[in-house]
Protein backbone atom coordinates (compact mmCIF):
# COMPACT_ATOMS: atom_id res chain seq x y z
CA THR A 1 6.49 34.36 41.94
CA LEU A 2 7.58 32.53 45.35
CA THR A 3 9.19 35.27 46.60
CA ASP A 4 8.44 34.23 50.77
CA HIS A 5 8.71 30.01 50.72
CA THR A 6 8.33 30.19 54.74
CA HIS A 7 4.67 29.29 53.96
CA LEU A 8 5.81 25.66 52.89
CA ARG A 9 6.14 24.65 56.26
CA ASP A 10 3.01 25.36 57.08
CA PHE A 11 1.70 22.08 54.95
CA PRO A 12 3.79 19.34 56.65
CA ASN A 13 2.40 16.34 55.20
CA LEU A 14 2.87 16.94 51.47
CA ARG A 15 4.73 14.24 49.16
CA GLU A 16 5.54 16.33 45.97
CA LEU A 17 6.40 19.71 45.84
CA CYS A 18 7.12 21.00 42.31
CA LEU A 19 7.92 24.75 41.43
CA HIS A 20 9.43 25.06 38.14
CA VAL A 21 10.23 28.70 36.15
CA GLN A 22 9.83 30.29 38.91
CA LYS A 23 11.35 33.73 40.69
CA ILE A 24 12.31 32.59 44.05
CA PRO A 25 15.28 33.19 46.09
CA PRO A 26 18.63 31.94 44.86
CA LYS A 27 19.12 29.92 47.97
CA LEU A 28 15.83 28.48 49.50
CA ASN A 29 14.64 27.67 52.47
CA ILE A 30 13.15 24.08 52.66
CA THR A 31 13.00 22.37 55.98
CA ASN A 32 11.45 19.99 57.93
CA LEU A 33 9.14 18.35 55.39
CA HIS A 34 10.10 15.10 56.94
CA ARG A 35 7.13 13.30 54.32
CA LEU A 36 8.23 15.14 51.25
CA HIS A 37 8.68 12.12 48.95
CA ARG A 38 9.55 13.91 45.60
CA LEU A 39 11.08 17.70 45.02
CA CYS A 40 11.45 19.22 41.73
CA ILE A 41 12.95 22.84 41.57
CA THR A 42 13.87 23.39 37.69
CA GLU A 43 14.75 26.39 36.09
CA CYS A 44 14.27 28.81 39.02
CA GLY A 45 17.78 30.38 39.45
CA LEU A 46 18.87 28.21 42.25
CA VAL A 47 22.66 28.71 43.08
CA THR A 48 23.05 26.42 45.90
CA MET A 49 21.43 23.19 46.75
CA SER A 50 21.72 24.26 50.81
CA GLY A 51 18.80 25.31 52.32
CA ILE A 52 16.63 21.84 51.49
CA THR A 53 17.18 20.04 55.02
CA GLY A 54 15.53 18.21 57.06
CA CYS A 55 13.33 16.01 54.40
CA TYR A 56 14.35 11.93 55.18
CA ALA A 57 12.20 10.48 53.26
CA LEU A 58 13.17 12.26 50.42
CA GLN A 59 13.43 9.55 46.89
CA HIS A 60 13.74 11.60 43.93
CA LEU A 61 15.38 15.33 43.51
CA ASP A 62 15.14 17.56 40.59
CA LEU A 63 17.20 20.59 40.36
CA SER A 64 18.08 20.87 36.79
CA MET A 65 18.01 23.67 34.90
CA ASN A 66 19.19 26.10 37.69
CA LYS A 67 22.66 27.18 38.28
CA ILE A 68 24.05 25.36 41.05
CA PRO A 69 28.19 24.81 40.81
CA ARG A 70 28.48 21.94 43.01
CA ILE A 71 26.96 19.09 44.23
CA ASP A 72 26.60 19.89 48.40
CA ALA A 73 27.43 16.37 50.08
CA ALA A 74 26.05 17.90 53.44
CA VAL A 75 22.69 18.23 51.96
CA LEU A 76 23.17 14.57 50.47
CA LYS A 77 23.92 13.26 53.39
CA GLN A 78 20.64 13.81 55.37
CA MET A 79 18.85 12.17 52.38
CA GLY A 80 19.64 8.61 52.77
CA GLU A 81 15.99 7.21 50.86
CA LEU A 82 17.32 8.94 47.41
CA ARG A 83 17.02 6.91 44.30
CA SER A 84 16.64 9.65 42.09
CA ILE A 85 19.09 12.92 41.61
CA TRP A 86 18.20 15.03 38.19
CA LEU A 87 21.09 18.09 38.27
CA ASN A 88 20.89 18.09 34.48
CA GLU A 89 22.03 21.73 33.06
CA ASN A 90 23.52 23.33 35.56
CA LEU A 91 27.30 24.40 36.56
CA ILE A 92 28.45 21.60 38.29
CA ARG A 93 32.20 20.46 37.74
CA ARG A 94 32.53 17.40 39.58
CA ILE A 95 30.68 14.62 41.06
CA GLU A 96 31.29 14.59 45.12
CA GLY A 97 28.76 13.62 48.43
CA MET A 98 27.15 10.38 46.63
CA GLU A 99 28.73 8.06 49.24
CA PRO A 100 25.84 7.89 51.43
CA LEU A 101 23.39 7.16 48.51
CA ALA A 102 23.11 3.38 49.15
CA LYS A 103 19.80 3.51 47.64
CA LEU A 104 20.69 5.75 44.28
CA ALA A 105 19.84 4.06 40.94
CA SER A 106 19.68 7.16 39.20
CA LEU A 107 22.01 10.43 38.43
CA TRP A 108 21.04 12.94 35.87
CA LEU A 109 23.94 15.39 35.40
CA GLY A 110 23.93 15.98 31.42
CA ARG A 111 24.72 19.39 30.53
CA ASN A 112 26.99 20.31 33.30
CA GLN A 113 31.22 20.79 33.18
CA ILE A 114 31.85 17.55 34.50
CA THR A 115 35.17 16.38 33.13
CA GLY A 116 35.57 12.93 34.72
CA VAL A 117 34.23 10.41 37.24
CA GLU A 118 37.36 8.88 38.76
CA HIS A 119 35.95 6.55 42.04
CA SER A 120 33.37 9.37 42.73
CA LEU A 121 30.02 6.58 42.10
CA ASP A 122 31.97 4.03 43.52
CA ALA A 123 29.94 3.42 46.84
CA ASN A 124 26.74 3.58 44.65
CA ALA A 125 26.55 -0.40 43.96
CA ASN A 126 22.68 -0.15 42.91
CA LEU A 127 22.87 2.82 40.50
CA GLU A 128 21.48 1.58 36.74
CA ASP A 129 21.33 4.89 35.13
CA LEU A 130 23.58 7.28 34.81
CA ASN A 131 23.30 10.52 32.31
CA LEU A 132 26.42 12.20 31.87
CA ALA A 133 25.57 13.85 28.44
CA GLY A 134 26.61 17.12 27.11
CA ASN A 135 29.66 16.73 29.61
CA GLN A 136 33.04 17.36 29.07
CA ILE A 137 34.19 13.76 29.79
CA GLY A 138 36.52 12.98 26.81
CA ASN A 139 38.22 9.92 26.13
CA ASP A 140 40.55 9.62 29.36
CA GLY A 141 36.99 10.17 31.53
CA LEU A 142 35.00 7.75 29.74
CA LYS A 143 38.56 5.00 29.88
CA SER A 144 38.59 5.73 34.31
CA LEU A 145 35.10 5.28 33.91
CA SER A 146 35.30 1.95 31.41
CA THR A 147 38.26 0.83 33.83
CA ALA A 148 36.17 1.27 37.07
CA LEU A 149 32.96 -0.64 35.56
CA ALA A 150 35.44 -3.55 34.75
CA SER A 151 37.00 -3.54 38.10
CA GLY A 152 33.56 -4.34 39.54
CA ALA A 153 32.32 -0.51 40.41
CA LEU A 154 28.70 -0.11 39.16
CA PRO A 155 27.53 -3.88 38.75
CA GLN A 156 23.83 -2.84 38.18
CA LEU A 157 24.40 -0.07 35.85
CA GLU A 158 21.89 -0.78 32.52
CA ARG A 159 21.71 3.11 31.13
CA LEU A 160 25.03 5.50 30.41
CA GLY A 161 24.24 8.45 28.80
CA CYS A 162 27.73 10.13 27.46
CA GLY A 163 26.97 12.07 24.35
CA PRO A 164 26.77 15.05 23.37
CA GLN A 165 23.23 15.49 23.36
CA LEU A 166 20.75 15.26 26.80
CA ALA A 167 17.52 13.94 26.76
CA HIS A 168 15.89 16.67 27.47
CA GLY A 169 12.99 16.85 30.69
CA HIS A 170 12.13 13.66 31.47
CA ASP A 171 12.19 11.42 28.24
CA VAL A 172 14.76 8.83 29.19
CA GLN A 173 14.58 7.39 25.53
CA GLY A 174 16.91 8.58 23.15
CA TYR A 175 19.85 9.73 25.45
CA MET A 176 21.72 6.88 24.67
């Protein structure tokens, strides 16, 4: 149980922080860990992304299996080095806030409540891996994604997960 997370600031040289299946406050306060490259907070009951600030070197963010209802654009705007975001199994309804993430290569949003992609990823030209499995995309959503791909959006996309199943955990193979 991590009830007082203010002590995390006592570790300014952390490069990786993983909290799994912990009782923590629903809004975390992780600030100014400037050297942090990898942050994983899974199955901890988080209800918001806000509270993660000043982690400018962050390259991997995994907030899967929480209760986050929306992607917080203000938080992501500070994380220009992000290469992968995993937000599987939350309550997210739409993709937003990805525009400033030019280096983003992997986005996992499986098992949320997303109904479409529209133009939410147009700015992410380096995206190679997109997992939308287990959402409510439907035929219209897939058609709009297909149209976007045909018009040159997401030119680096190599892997797309859209089925009803989700690759649980970190196993990339088999979610296609």
